[in-house]
Amino acid sequence: MWKLLVSVLLIALCSPEHISGDKQIGSLYQCAHDLRGLVIVKNEREVVIQGLNYDGKGPAAWFHAQKRGAKGVYTSDDDYVTLPFPDASCDRLKPGRSYKDENVTLVLPESIKNYETIGILCYQFCHNFGHIVIPKDLDVPAAPESLLKTTGCPPPNYSKCTLDGTRNGALKPDCTAGSSSQMMPTSPLAGGGAGRLYICVWLVAAMYFGFLKISPM
């Protein structure tokens, strides 16, 4: 009887509502101003940059996204979005405000699946500090209805940046990609839904086949 009760408990813990849909999609390219961080997508409109580092020395920098199909990071065409941060604010990243291993959340105005890249761009000097390329096959949950509604910000009032005229503007720039040492280790029980489900199934099987012995109280 106790085995049945333990099995029911494990199945409940492994049910979809207890399994995180968060997806780690990699680390930001480290192109300038000590920018680095691990990018985690929680749902279609909510992105967490875990362990964000940025020295705060960009004079006119915003979080920036290129729309799907863009060939790089630039502003000379209308295929980009200046992202709000924090929350729905459209102010630039405050000069002198540095980030040291902080977790920050971007609430996107639309689905991340519409974007080719997300990163930080200095609009004044056409300098891409770093970005990440969004996987085309990214599969994440829809944003909850309760999530803050945001809109893309008005384009900052600077000259347009062409692809060739943007420093580090290529999709794969000549910068240091986030190394594995910057990646946070993923626990099967805490990070990914598939890993947690695997562990739960293994525990049930081990218990029934005698590899895991649990004595009743």
Protein backbone atom coordinates (compact mmCIF):
# COMPACT_ATOMS: atom_id res chain seq x y z
CA MET A 1 0.00 0.00 0.00
CA TRP A 2 2.79 2.41 0.90
CA LYS A 3 4.42 1.85 -2.49
CA LEU A 4 1.23 2.98 -4.16
CA LEU A 5 1.10 6.11 -2.03
CA VAL A 6 4.74 6.97 -2.82
CA SER A 7 4.08 6.40 -6.53
CA VAL A 8 1.07 8.73 -6.49
CA LEU A 9 3.17 11.41 -4.76
CA LEU A 10 5.99 11.09 -7.31
CA ILE A 11 3.58 11.24 -10.23
CA ALA A 12 1.98 14.37 -8.76
CA LEU A 13 5.39 16.03 -8.41
CA CYS A 14 6.24 15.08 -12.00
CA SER A 15 3.01 16.40 -13.47
CA PRO A 16 3.32 19.23 -16.06
CA GLU A 17 2.33 21.98 -13.65
CA HIS A 18 5.32 21.07 -11.47
CA ILE A 19 7.77 20.87 -14.37
CA SER A 20 9.51 24.07 -15.37
CA GLY A 21 9.34 25.09 -19.02
CA ASP A 22 12.44 27.29 -18.68
CA LYS A 23 14.93 26.89 -21.54
CA GLN A 24 18.60 27.81 -21.27
CA ILE A 25 19.55 28.88 -24.80
CA GLY A 26 23.17 29.85 -24.16
CA SER A 27 25.35 32.76 -23.14
CA LEU A 28 25.66 36.24 -24.59
CA TYR A 29 28.54 37.00 -26.92
CA GLN A 30 31.08 38.95 -24.88
CA CYS A 31 31.93 41.77 -27.29
CA ALA A 32 32.38 44.89 -25.15
CA HIS A 33 31.98 46.47 -21.72
CA ASP A 34 32.42 43.15 -19.90
CA LEU A 35 28.99 42.00 -21.06
CA ARG A 36 28.15 38.41 -20.26
CA GLY A 37 25.27 36.35 -18.92
CA LEU A 38 23.29 33.17 -19.36
CA VAL A 39 20.01 33.57 -21.25
CA ILE A 40 16.99 31.65 -19.96
CA VAL A 41 13.61 31.81 -21.70
CA LYS A 42 10.71 31.27 -19.28
CA ASN A 43 7.91 31.72 -21.81
CA GLU A 44 7.33 33.47 -25.13
CA ARG A 45 7.57 36.96 -23.63
CA GLU A 46 9.70 36.54 -20.51
CA VAL A 47 13.48 36.26 -20.68
CA VAL A 48 15.89 36.11 -17.75
CA ILE A 49 19.56 36.98 -18.12
CA GLN A 50 21.17 35.10 -15.28
CA GLY A 51 24.43 36.40 -13.89
CA LEU A 52 24.39 39.56 -16.01
CA ASN A 53 27.65 41.47 -16.01
CA TYR A 54 27.93 44.89 -17.68
CA ASP A 55 30.23 47.75 -16.70
CA GLY A 56 27.61 50.46 -17.32
CA LYS A 57 29.94 52.59 -19.45
CA GLY A 58 27.81 52.66 -22.60
CA PRO A 59 26.55 56.24 -23.14
CA ALA A 60 23.38 55.36 -25.06
CA ALA A 61 22.70 51.64 -24.72
CA TRP A 62 19.40 49.78 -24.76
CA PHE A 63 18.37 46.15 -24.82
CA HIS A 64 17.83 45.47 -28.49
CA ALA A 65 16.29 42.73 -30.63
CA GLN A 66 16.56 42.01 -34.34
CA LYS A 67 13.48 40.57 -35.97
CA ARG A 68 13.54 37.06 -37.43
CA GLY A 69 15.42 36.92 -40.71
CA ALA A 70 17.85 39.77 -39.95
CA LYS A 71 21.43 39.17 -41.08
CA GLY A 72 23.01 40.89 -38.12
CA VAL A 73 22.57 43.65 -35.54
CA TYR A 74 21.82 47.08 -37.02
CA THR A 75 19.11 49.77 -37.26
CA SER A 76 19.19 50.92 -40.89
CA ASP A 77 16.10 48.82 -41.70
CA ASP A 78 12.87 48.50 -39.73
CA ASP A 79 13.63 44.95 -38.64
CA TYR A 80 14.61 45.67 -35.05
CA VAL A 81 12.91 46.42 -31.73
CA THR A 82 14.22 48.59 -28.92
CA LEU A 83 13.20 46.59 -25.88
CA PRO A 84 11.72 48.03 -22.69
CA PHE A 85 13.69 47.59 -19.46
CA PRO A 86 13.09 47.46 -16.61
CA ASP A 87 9.48 46.38 -16.96
CA ALA A 88 7.87 48.78 -19.47
CA SER A 89 10.44 51.59 -19.17
CA CYS A 90 11.98 52.89 -22.41
CA ASP A 91 14.85 54.76 -20.77
CA ARG A 92 18.39 53.88 -21.82
CA LEU A 93 20.52 51.74 -19.55
CA LYS A 94 21.66 54.33 -17.05
CA PRO A 95 25.31 55.28 -17.68
CA GLY A 96 27.41 54.37 -14.67
CA ARG A 97 24.93 51.75 -13.45
CA SER A 98 26.93 48.54 -13.61
CA TYR A 99 25.68 44.97 -13.17
CA LYS A 100 27.68 42.30 -11.38
CA ASP A 101 26.30 38.75 -11.49
CA GLU A 102 22.73 40.03 -11.33
CA ASN A 103 19.60 38.34 -12.62
CA VAL A 104 17.46 40.65 -14.77
CA THR A 105 14.16 39.99 -16.51
CA LEU A 106 13.06 41.30 -19.91
CA VAL A 107 9.32 41.37 -20.60
CA LEU A 108 9.11 41.34 -24.38
CA PRO A 109 6.40 43.16 -26.35
CA GLU A 110 5.83 40.07 -28.52
CA SER A 111 6.86 36.45 -28.83
CA ILE A 112 10.58 35.77 -28.69
CA LYS A 113 10.01 33.48 -31.67
CA ASN A 114 9.71 36.66 -33.78
CA TYR A 115 13.31 37.63 -32.96
CA GLU A 116 16.64 36.64 -34.44
CA THR A 117 18.77 38.15 -31.65
CA ILE A 118 18.54 39.81 -28.25
CA GLY A 119 21.39 41.83 -26.76
CA ILE A 120 22.62 45.31 -25.84
CA LEU A 121 23.34 47.92 -28.52
CA CYS A 122 24.82 51.40 -28.17
CA TYR A 123 22.73 53.39 -30.67
CA GLN A 124 24.93 56.48 -30.47
CA PHE A 125 28.12 54.78 -31.68
CA CYS A 126 26.61 51.77 -33.51
CA HIS A 127 28.39 49.39 -31.17
CA ASN A 128 26.89 46.00 -30.38
CA PHE A 129 28.10 45.06 -26.91
CA GLY A 130 26.89 41.46 -27.31
CA HIS A 131 23.85 39.37 -28.12
CA ILE A 132 22.50 35.87 -28.41
CA VAL A 133 20.99 34.26 -31.49
CA ILE A 134 17.53 32.83 -30.78
CA PRO A 135 17.13 29.20 -31.92
CA LYS A 136 14.64 28.87 -34.75
CA ASP A 137 13.12 25.75 -33.18
CA LEU A 138 12.71 27.26 -29.71
CA ASP A 139 9.79 25.61 -27.93
CA VAL A 140 8.57 27.46 -24.84
CA PRO A 141 5.17 27.98 -23.20
CA ALA A 142 2.89 30.85 -24.11
CA ALA A 143 3.12 33.86 -21.82
CA PRO A 144 0.59 33.84 -18.96
CA GLU A 145 -2.28 36.28 -19.26
CA SER A 146 -1.18 37.94 -16.02
CA LEU A 147 2.24 38.92 -17.44
CA LEU A 148 2.84 42.66 -17.79
CA LYS A 149 1.93 43.97 -21.26
CA THR A 150 4.73 45.96 -22.89
CA THR A 151 5.35 47.63 -26.24
CA GLY A 152 8.45 48.21 -28.32
CA CYS A 153 10.14 51.51 -27.47
CA PRO A 154 10.39 54.46 -29.86
CA PRO A 155 13.65 54.29 -31.85
CA PRO A 156 16.35 56.30 -30.05
CA ASN A 157 17.12 59.57 -31.82
CA TYR A 158 20.46 58.68 -33.36
CA SER A 159 21.70 58.14 -36.90
CA LYS A 160 20.83 54.76 -38.38
CA CYS A 161 23.42 52.01 -38.01
CA THR A 162 24.11 49.98 -41.12
CA LEU A 163 25.15 46.36 -40.82
CA ASP A 164 28.64 47.10 -42.15
CA GLY A 165 28.87 50.18 -39.97
CA THR A 166 27.94 48.44 -36.72
CA ARG A 167 30.85 47.19 -34.65
CA ASN A 168 30.36 43.49 -33.81
CA GLY A 169 27.20 43.55 -35.92
CA ALA A 170 27.48 40.08 -37.45
CA LEU A 171 25.22 37.28 -36.23
CA LYS A 172 28.42 35.45 -35.26
CA PRO A 173 30.76 38.30 -34.39
CA ASP A 174 34.46 37.96 -33.77
CA CYS A 175 33.88 38.03 -30.02
CA THR A 176 34.14 35.55 -27.22
CA ALA A 177 31.02 33.46 -26.93
CA GLY A 178 29.93 32.67 -23.40
CA SER A 179 32.14 29.82 -22.29
CA SER A 180 30.90 26.69 -20.54
CA SER A 181 32.38 28.06 -17.33
CA GLN A 182 29.81 30.85 -17.50
CA MET A 183 26.95 28.38 -17.86
CA MET A 184 25.12 27.57 -14.68
CA PRO A 185 24.99 23.81 -14.04
CA THR A 186 21.57 22.35 -14.68
CA SER A 187 20.11 20.03 -12.07
CA PRO A 188 17.66 17.53 -13.54
CA LEU A 189 15.40 18.14 -10.55
CA ALA A 190 15.58 21.93 -10.69
CA GLY A 191 16.25 23.08 -14.21
CA GLY A 192 14.58 21.20 -17.04
CA GLY A 193 11.23 19.48 -17.26
CA ALA A 194 12.54 16.54 -19.27
CA GLY A 195 15.29 15.87 -16.75
CA ARG A 196 12.90 16.01 -13.83
CA LEU A 197 10.46 13.65 -15.54
CA TYR A 198 13.31 11.22 -16.24
CA ILE A 199 14.36 11.22 -12.58
CA CYS A 200 10.78 10.68 -11.39
CA VAL A 201 10.22 7.74 -13.73
CA TRP A 202 13.57 6.26 -12.66
CA LEU A 203 12.63 6.54 -8.97
CA VAL A 204 9.29 4.77 -9.48
CA ALA A 205 10.93 1.99 -11.51
CA ALA A 206 13.79 1.59 -9.01
CA MET A 207 11.36 1.34 -6.13
CA TYR A 208 9.24 -1.34 -7.78
CA PHE A 209 12.17 -3.40 -9.01
CA GLY A 210 13.92 -3.30 -5.66
CA PHE A 211 16.88 -1.03 -6.48
CA LEU A 212 15.50 1.64 -4.15
CA LYS A 213 14.29 0.39 -0.79
CA ILE A 214 11.86 2.64 1.09
CA SER A 215 10.52 1.33 4.35
CA PRO A 216 7.07 2.32 5.58
CA MET A 217 6.97 4.52 8.66
